[in-house]
Amino acid sequence: MTEANTVNTPKGDENPVPRARTDAPGGQGALATPKGNTSIDSGVVAKIAGMAAREVSGVYNMGAGTARALGAVRGMVGGDRSVTQGVSVEVGERQAAVDLDLVVEYGVAIPDVAGAVRRNVITAVERMTGLEVTEVNIKVDDVHMPGQEKDEGGAEDAEQGPRVR
C-alpha cells in the first residue's frame, strides 16, 4: 500500500487529492497516502448511491416489494427508513459496482430515468470516494400509480375493517 493513485488537480496544486484504494478486507476501501490510510466502508458507498438515486426526478421509491413493506413497518414503529434500501454494492480494490431496485412514477420514460440515475450515482460515488464505478445495474420493480397510497400494504387493510372478531 505504498502506491497512491491521484486525481488530476489544477496546475500549481502541490497537494494532489489521492484516489481511493480498497485493499482492506470486509468491503472497506483504504485511501493510501504517505501520511496514513483512510478506510471507506461499503455501507458508505451504498448510502451515497442511495441518496444520488433518490435525487433523480421520476424515482418514487427504492427497494423490492418486501424491502419496501419492511421499511414501512419500521417507519410506523419509529425507525428511520434506510437510505440504503434497494441498494447493494460491491467494493473492490479500486472499483465499486452498484445494484439498485427502483420504483418509478407512472408516465416517466423508464430508460431516461434509469440513465439519469446511473449518471448521478456514478458521479456522486466517484467524486466522494475516488473509486471507479464499473457498473450500475438498475432493476425497476414497480410503477407508482397516481393516487396510490405510499404505504400500500396497510392502507387497503384498514379500509376493509377487522377480519376477525
Protein backbone atom coordinates (compact mmCIF):
# COMPACT_ATOMS: atom_id res chain seq x y z
CA MET A 1 0.00 0.00 0.00
CA THR A 2 2.84 2.36 -0.70
CA GLU A 3 1.45 3.44 -4.06
CA ALA A 4 -1.32 6.05 -4.20
CA ASN A 5 -3.38 6.95 -7.22
CA THR A 6 -4.10 10.63 -7.52
CA VAL A 7 -6.88 12.64 -9.04
CA ASN A 8 -5.82 15.28 -11.55
CA THR A 9 -5.59 18.64 -9.84
CA PRO A 10 -5.26 22.18 -11.17
CA LYS A 11 -1.76 23.23 -12.20
CA GLY A 12 0.23 24.51 -9.27
CA ASP A 13 -1.62 22.46 -6.64
CA GLU A 14 1.08 20.87 -4.52
CA ASN A 15 -1.27 18.57 -2.60
CA PRO A 16 -2.99 16.30 -5.13
CA VAL A 17 -6.11 14.56 -3.89
CA PRO A 18 -5.40 10.82 -3.57
CA ARG A 19 -7.82 8.40 -5.18
CA ALA A 20 -9.46 5.77 -3.01
CA ARG A 21 -7.84 2.37 -2.73
CA THR A 22 -9.72 -0.57 -1.37
CA ASP A 23 -7.15 -3.04 -0.15
CA ALA A 24 -8.75 -3.57 3.24
CA PRO A 25 -10.82 -6.69 3.95
CA GLY A 26 -14.54 -6.70 4.70
CA GLY A 27 -15.79 -4.41 1.96
CA GLN A 28 -13.74 -1.45 3.11
CA GLY A 29 -11.63 0.75 0.91
CA ALA A 30 -8.38 2.28 2.07
CA LEU A 31 -7.27 5.69 0.89
CA ALA A 32 -3.49 5.25 0.98
CA THR A 33 -1.23 8.26 1.40
CA PRO A 34 2.33 8.59 2.68
CA LYS A 35 0.89 10.09 5.88
CA GLY A 36 -1.66 7.33 6.61
CA ASN A 37 -4.73 5.47 5.42
CA THR A 38 -8.42 6.26 5.37
CA SER A 39 -10.95 3.43 5.11
CA ILE A 40 -14.22 3.72 3.18
CA ASP A 41 -16.78 1.12 4.23
CA SER A 42 -19.09 -0.44 1.64
CA GLY A 43 -22.03 0.95 3.65
CA VAL A 44 -20.79 4.45 2.91
CA VAL A 45 -20.77 3.73 -0.81
CA ALA A 46 -24.31 2.30 -0.52
CA LYS A 47 -25.57 5.45 1.25
CA ILE A 48 -24.01 7.72 -1.36
CA ALA A 49 -25.55 5.65 -4.17
CA GLY A 50 -28.96 5.60 -2.46
CA MET A 51 -29.03 9.35 -1.94
CA ALA A 52 -27.86 10.01 -5.50
CA ALA A 53 -30.55 7.73 -6.96
CA ARG A 54 -33.31 9.37 -4.90
CA GLU A 55 -32.30 12.82 -6.20
CA VAL A 56 -33.43 11.93 -9.73
CA SER A 57 -36.87 13.10 -10.81
CA GLY A 58 -39.12 10.15 -11.63
CA VAL A 59 -37.81 7.88 -8.86
CA TYR A 60 -40.70 7.32 -6.45
CA ASN A 61 -39.13 4.84 -4.06
CA MET A 62 -36.42 2.24 -3.80
CA GLY A 63 -36.39 -1.43 -2.90
CA ALA A 64 -38.25 -4.56 -3.92
CA GLY A 65 -41.75 -5.11 -2.51
CA THR A 66 -40.62 -6.93 0.62
CA ALA A 67 -37.96 -4.34 1.45
CA ARG A 68 -40.47 -1.51 1.00
CA ALA A 69 -43.02 -3.27 3.23
CA LEU A 70 -40.44 -3.78 5.97
CA GLY A 71 -39.37 -0.16 5.60
CA ALA A 72 -42.98 1.00 6.02
CA VAL A 73 -43.37 -1.09 9.18
CA ARG A 74 -40.06 0.23 10.51
CA GLY A 75 -41.29 3.78 9.81
CA MET A 76 -44.56 3.19 11.72
CA VAL A 77 -42.78 1.93 14.84
CA GLY A 78 -40.44 4.90 14.96
CA GLY A 79 -37.48 3.61 12.98
CA ASP A 80 -35.93 5.51 10.11
CA ARG A 81 -36.25 4.20 6.59
CA SER A 82 -32.81 3.25 5.48
CA VAL A 83 -31.09 5.30 2.81
CA THR A 84 -29.62 2.02 1.59
CA GLN A 85 -32.99 0.34 0.98
CA GLY A 86 -32.90 -1.05 -2.55
CA VAL A 87 -29.13 -0.60 -2.83
CA SER A 88 -26.41 -3.21 -2.81
CA VAL A 89 -22.77 -2.54 -3.56
CA GLU A 90 -19.62 -4.49 -4.10
CA VAL A 91 -16.39 -2.69 -3.30
CA GLY A 92 -13.15 -4.00 -4.74
CA GLU A 93 -9.54 -2.87 -4.67
CA ARG A 94 -10.08 0.30 -6.70
CA GLN A 95 -13.60 -0.08 -8.03
CA ALA A 96 -17.20 -0.34 -6.96
CA ALA A 97 -20.27 -1.91 -8.56
CA VAL A 98 -23.79 -0.84 -7.61
CA ASP A 99 -27.15 -2.62 -7.92
CA LEU A 100 -30.37 -0.62 -7.47
CA ASP A 101 -34.05 -1.63 -7.15
CA LEU A 102 -36.33 1.27 -8.15
CA VAL A 103 -40.00 2.17 -8.18
CA VAL A 104 -40.66 4.84 -10.81
CA GLU A 105 -43.51 7.30 -11.20
CA TYR A 106 -46.19 6.42 -13.74
CA GLY A 107 -45.72 8.24 -17.04
CA VAL A 108 -41.96 8.71 -16.95
CA ALA A 109 -39.72 7.28 -19.66
CA ILE A 110 -38.06 4.44 -17.75
CA PRO A 111 -34.90 4.34 -19.93
CA ASP A 112 -34.42 8.09 -19.37
CA VAL A 113 -34.88 7.79 -15.60
CA ALA A 114 -32.52 4.80 -15.46
CA GLY A 115 -29.90 6.70 -17.45
CA ALA A 116 -30.18 9.75 -15.20
CA VAL A 117 -29.96 7.59 -12.08
CA ARG A 118 -26.92 5.77 -13.46
CA ARG A 119 -25.13 9.06 -14.29
CA ASN A 120 -25.96 10.63 -10.92
CA VAL A 121 -24.82 7.58 -8.93
CA ILE A 122 -21.56 7.26 -10.87
CA THR A 123 -20.79 10.96 -10.47
CA ALA A 124 -21.55 11.02 -6.73
CA VAL A 125 -19.71 7.82 -5.81
CA GLU A 126 -16.63 8.62 -7.89
CA ARG A 127 -16.45 12.22 -6.66
CA MET A 128 -16.96 11.41 -2.98
CA THR A 129 -14.90 8.21 -2.71
CA GLY A 130 -12.42 8.26 -5.57
CA LEU A 131 -13.46 4.72 -6.50
CA GLU A 132 -14.10 3.94 -10.16
CA VAL A 133 -17.71 2.81 -10.61
CA THR A 134 -17.58 -0.09 -13.07
CA GLU A 135 -21.33 -0.61 -13.37
CA VAL A 136 -24.69 0.49 -12.04
CA ASN A 137 -27.32 -2.20 -12.60
CA ILE A 138 -30.90 -0.99 -12.29
CA LYS A 139 -33.97 -3.15 -11.78
CA VAL A 140 -37.34 -1.40 -11.99
CA ASP A 141 -39.58 -3.33 -9.59
CA ASP A 142 -42.78 -1.32 -9.80
CA VAL A 143 -44.56 1.74 -11.18
CA HIS A 144 -46.23 4.09 -8.72
CA MET A 145 -49.70 4.99 -9.96
CA PRO A 146 -51.22 8.44 -9.26
CA GLY A 147 -53.35 8.36 -6.12
CA GLN A 148 -51.72 5.18 -4.83
CA GLU A 149 -51.02 5.25 -1.11
CA LYS A 150 -47.38 5.42 -0.05
CA ASP A 151 -47.77 2.56 2.44
CA GLU A 152 -49.74 0.30 0.14
CA GLY A 153 -49.90 -2.71 2.43
CA GLY A 154 -51.63 -1.07 5.41
CA ALA A 155 -53.99 1.33 3.63
CA GLU A 156 -56.17 -1.29 1.96
CA ASP A 157 -56.47 -3.47 5.07
CA ALA A 158 -57.59 -0.50 7.18
CA GLU A 159 -60.45 0.28 4.79
CA GLN A 160 -61.85 -3.27 4.97
CA GLY A 161 -62.18 -3.25 8.73
CA PRO A 162 -61.26 -6.06 11.09
CA ARG A 163 -61.13 -9.55 9.62
CA VAL A 164 -61.71 -11.34 12.93
CA ARG A 165 -63.82 -10.55 16.00
